[in-house]
Amino acid sequence: YLTYSKDPYDLSLTENTVVDNVINFKLEGDVSGAAIGRRGETLDAIQHLTNYVVNKGSDKHLHISVDAESYRSKREESLTHLAEKMAEKAIKYKRSMALEPMNSYERHVIHTALQNYEGVTTSSTGVEPNRRVVVSYVKPEKPDNGNKPGENRPGNGNNKPGNNGNNNNSTPMFPAGLRLPNLISVAYINSD
C-alpha cells in the first residue's frame, strides 16, 4: 500500500525496525515535506490509512509507524519545549493556558512532559478535531507546621513583641488570611 501511494512524490521507502508488532517506515526523497503536510497531517493520514489496510480482516494487530525527515522526533521535542514554556507561563500568570488543537498522540506528549512538573496540572478539553490540552496553575500546598489555631504564626497578630503568644487581652483573634466577607460568620474568639 505504501509503495502504491508514494508514486506521485518520487519518494523512497525504507523499513527501519520491527519491534513488538510495531513496524517503522521512513519516507525519503525530494518532496518528503509534501508527504509530511501541515503539522504532520498528511503523514498522520498516510499512517492511519496504512494501518487500516494492513490490519483489515486480520486477527493479529500490527502498528505501522510512518516518518519522514525525522519529523516525529523533531515534533515531539518541539511539543516538549512548548509544554514547558506554557507551564512557566501558567505559573507566572497563575492562570490556565490552552494550547492549540492537537491529535491524541501530541496531547499525550504534552501530558507526559508535564506530569511531574511542579505547580501545574494538565487536562484535555473539547471534541475532536478541536480537542486541546489545558495547562492549569495549581496553588502550592501550604506546609503544615503543626501549629494549632491561635498559636504563633506570621499574620495572626499573636507574634507581636511582648505578646509571647499569650492572648490575655480582649482583642479578637482571627485566622490568618480571613477576608472581610467571612468576618460575619466568624465568632468572637477570646482565650478567657
Protein backbone atom coordinates (compact mmCIF):
# COMPACT_ATOMS: atom_id res chain seq x y z
CA TYR A 1 0.00 0.00 0.00
CA LEU A 2 2.77 2.44 0.87
CA THR A 3 4.59 1.60 -2.36
CA TYR A 4 1.49 2.42 -4.41
CA SER A 5 0.63 5.64 -2.54
CA LYS A 6 4.14 7.10 -2.91
CA ASP A 7 4.25 7.13 -6.73
CA PRO A 8 3.31 10.80 -7.30
CA TYR A 9 6.03 12.01 -4.91
CA ASP A 10 9.29 10.38 -6.03
CA LEU A 11 9.91 9.10 -2.51
CA SER A 12 11.86 6.07 -1.40
CA LEU A 13 10.57 3.86 1.37
CA THR A 14 12.78 2.05 3.87
CA GLU A 15 11.74 -0.23 6.71
CA ASN A 16 13.72 0.68 9.79
CA THR A 17 12.71 -1.65 12.60
CA VAL A 18 10.18 -4.24 13.67
CA VAL A 19 9.70 -4.36 17.44
CA ASP A 20 6.72 -5.78 19.39
CA ASN A 21 4.24 -5.70 16.47
CA VAL A 22 5.34 -2.16 15.51
CA ILE A 23 6.81 -1.66 12.05
CA ASN A 24 8.58 1.64 11.45
CA PHE A 25 8.85 3.02 7.92
CA LYS A 26 10.84 6.01 6.78
CA LEU A 27 9.98 8.06 3.70
CA GLU A 28 12.88 9.80 1.96
CA GLY A 29 13.03 11.99 -1.10
CA ASP A 30 13.00 15.48 -2.56
CA VAL A 31 9.37 16.25 -1.71
CA SER A 32 9.10 14.49 1.63
CA GLY A 33 7.95 17.85 3.05
CA ALA A 34 4.78 17.42 1.00
CA ALA A 35 4.40 13.94 2.48
CA ILE A 36 4.57 15.46 5.98
CA GLY A 37 1.98 18.17 5.35
CA ARG A 38 0.88 20.94 7.68
CA ARG A 39 1.86 19.92 11.23
CA GLY A 40 2.19 16.31 10.09
CA GLU A 41 -1.42 15.92 8.98
CA THR A 42 -0.55 14.22 5.67
CA LEU A 43 1.94 11.94 7.38
CA ASP A 44 -0.69 11.03 10.01
CA ALA A 45 -3.22 10.32 7.26
CA ILE A 46 -0.76 8.06 5.39
CA GLN A 47 -0.01 6.24 8.65
CA HIS A 48 -3.71 5.87 9.52
CA LEU A 49 -4.67 4.55 6.09
CA THR A 50 -1.71 2.15 6.04
CA ASN A 51 -2.67 0.79 9.46
CA TYR A 52 -6.25 0.33 8.25
CA VAL A 53 -5.22 -1.57 5.10
CA VAL A 54 -2.65 -3.77 6.88
CA ASN A 55 -4.96 -4.71 9.76
CA LYS A 56 -8.21 -5.09 7.80
CA GLY A 57 -9.60 -8.58 8.40
CA SER A 58 -6.56 -9.64 10.43
CA ASP A 59 -6.72 -11.24 13.88
CA LYS A 60 -3.22 -10.04 14.68
CA HIS A 61 -2.89 -6.25 15.03
CA LEU A 62 0.27 -4.62 13.68
CA HIS A 63 1.04 -0.96 14.25
CA ILE A 64 2.63 0.82 11.31
CA SER A 65 4.57 3.99 12.08
CA VAL A 66 5.45 6.22 9.13
CA ASP A 67 8.03 9.01 9.44
CA ALA A 68 9.72 11.41 7.04
CA GLU A 69 12.83 13.51 7.67
CA SER A 70 12.71 12.50 11.38
CA TYR A 71 9.59 14.66 11.67
CA ARG A 72 8.08 12.68 14.56
CA SER A 73 11.10 13.00 16.86
CA LYS A 74 11.51 16.70 15.98
CA ARG A 75 7.81 17.32 16.64
CA GLU A 76 8.00 15.50 19.98
CA GLU A 77 10.96 17.65 21.02
CA SER A 78 9.11 20.79 19.91
CA LEU A 79 5.98 19.78 21.86
CA THR A 80 8.01 19.09 25.00
CA HIS A 81 9.57 22.54 24.74
CA LEU A 82 6.12 24.09 24.16
CA ALA A 83 4.73 22.25 27.20
CA GLU A 84 7.48 23.57 29.47
CA LYS A 85 7.04 27.11 28.11
CA MET A 86 3.27 27.01 28.73
CA ALA A 87 3.82 25.60 32.23
CA GLU A 88 6.13 28.51 33.02
CA LYS A 89 3.50 30.95 31.74
CA ALA A 90 0.76 29.27 33.78
CA ILE A 91 2.86 29.60 36.92
CA LYS A 92 3.96 33.16 36.15
CA TYR A 93 0.43 34.45 35.48
CA LYS A 94 -1.33 31.98 37.84
CA ARG A 95 -3.81 31.15 35.06
CA SER A 96 -4.79 28.24 32.87
CA MET A 97 -3.27 28.21 29.39
CA ALA A 98 -4.98 26.44 26.49
CA LEU A 99 -2.85 25.06 23.68
CA GLU A 100 -3.79 24.67 20.02
CA PRO A 101 -5.92 21.67 18.99
CA MET A 102 -3.80 18.51 18.68
CA ASN A 103 -4.22 14.86 17.81
CA SER A 104 -4.24 12.29 20.61
CA TYR A 105 -0.55 11.41 20.31
CA GLU A 106 0.55 15.05 20.54
CA ARG A 107 -1.73 15.63 23.56
CA HIS A 108 -0.16 12.55 25.14
CA VAL A 109 3.32 14.05 24.64
CA ILE A 110 2.22 17.27 26.41
CA HIS A 111 0.62 15.37 29.33
CA THR A 112 3.73 13.18 29.72
CA ALA A 113 6.12 16.14 29.58
CA LEU A 114 4.28 17.92 32.41
CA GLN A 115 3.20 15.01 34.60
CA ASN A 116 5.95 15.71 37.15
CA TYR A 117 6.16 19.47 36.60
CA GLU A 118 5.64 21.21 39.93
CA GLY A 119 2.86 23.79 40.07
CA VAL A 120 0.75 22.72 37.08
CA THR A 121 -1.70 20.04 36.00
CA THR A 122 -2.90 19.18 32.53
CA SER A 123 -6.26 18.16 31.14
CA SER A 124 -7.80 17.78 27.70
CA THR A 125 -10.94 19.61 26.69
CA GLY A 126 -13.12 19.85 23.60
CA VAL A 127 -14.23 17.41 20.94
CA GLU A 128 -12.14 16.03 18.07
CA PRO A 129 -10.75 17.53 15.87
CA ASN A 130 -10.64 20.59 18.16
CA ARG A 131 -9.55 18.76 21.32
CA ARG A 132 -6.78 20.62 23.11
CA VAL A 133 -4.62 20.47 26.24
CA VAL A 134 -5.14 22.97 29.04
CA VAL A 135 -2.19 23.61 31.36
CA SER A 136 -3.58 24.82 34.71
CA TYR A 137 -1.83 26.53 37.59
CA VAL A 138 -2.04 24.71 40.93
CA LYS A 139 -1.60 26.67 44.13
CA PRO A 140 1.20 25.19 46.20
CA GLU A 141 0.02 23.48 49.33
CA LYS A 142 0.88 25.35 52.50
CA PRO A 143 3.13 23.24 54.70
CA ASP A 144 1.53 22.22 57.98
CA ASN A 145 3.96 23.30 60.68
CA GLY A 146 1.98 21.57 63.38
CA ASN A 147 0.60 24.89 64.60
CA LYS A 148 -2.82 24.83 66.14
CA PRO A 149 -5.28 27.69 65.73
CA GLY A 150 -4.18 30.62 67.87
CA GLU A 151 -0.52 29.63 68.11
CA ASN A 152 2.30 31.88 66.96
CA ARG A 153 2.12 32.17 63.18
CA PRO A 154 3.03 35.02 60.94
CA GLY A 155 -0.01 37.11 60.18
CA ASN A 156 -2.32 36.20 63.05
CA GLY A 157 -1.31 39.06 65.36
CA ASN A 158 -0.01 36.84 68.17
CA ASN A 159 3.65 37.33 67.42
CA LYS A 160 3.81 40.99 68.39
CA PRO A 161 6.64 42.00 70.72
CA GLY A 162 5.66 41.41 74.31
CA ASN A 163 2.75 39.14 73.42
CA ASN A 164 4.73 35.86 73.51
CA GLY A 165 1.79 34.02 72.06
CA ASN A 166 -0.42 34.71 75.03
CA ASN A 167 -3.72 36.25 74.11
CA ASN A 168 -4.81 37.54 77.50
CA ASN A 169 -6.17 40.78 76.12
CA SER A 170 -9.71 41.13 74.87
CA THR A 171 -8.69 41.64 71.24
CA PRO A 172 -10.38 39.18 68.90
CA MET A 173 -8.09 36.64 67.21
CA PHE A 174 -8.96 35.66 63.62
CA PRO A 175 -7.32 33.07 61.40
CA ALA A 176 -4.67 34.41 59.06
CA GLY A 177 -5.90 35.38 55.61
CA LEU A 178 -9.55 35.76 56.63
CA ARG A 179 -11.30 38.25 54.37
CA LEU A 180 -13.90 40.81 55.38
CA PRO A 181 -16.95 38.98 53.95
CA ASN A 182 -16.03 35.95 56.06
CA LEU A 183 -15.96 38.01 59.27
CA ILE A 184 -19.73 37.85 59.54
CA SER A 185 -19.66 34.10 60.12
CA VAL A 186 -16.67 34.05 62.49
CA ALA A 187 -17.42 34.01 66.18
CA TYR A 188 -15.58 36.28 68.57
CA ILE A 189 -12.63 34.30 69.87
CA ASN A 190 -11.26 35.03 73.33
CA SER A 191 -8.80 32.93 75.29
CA ASP A 192 -10.56 33.50 78.63
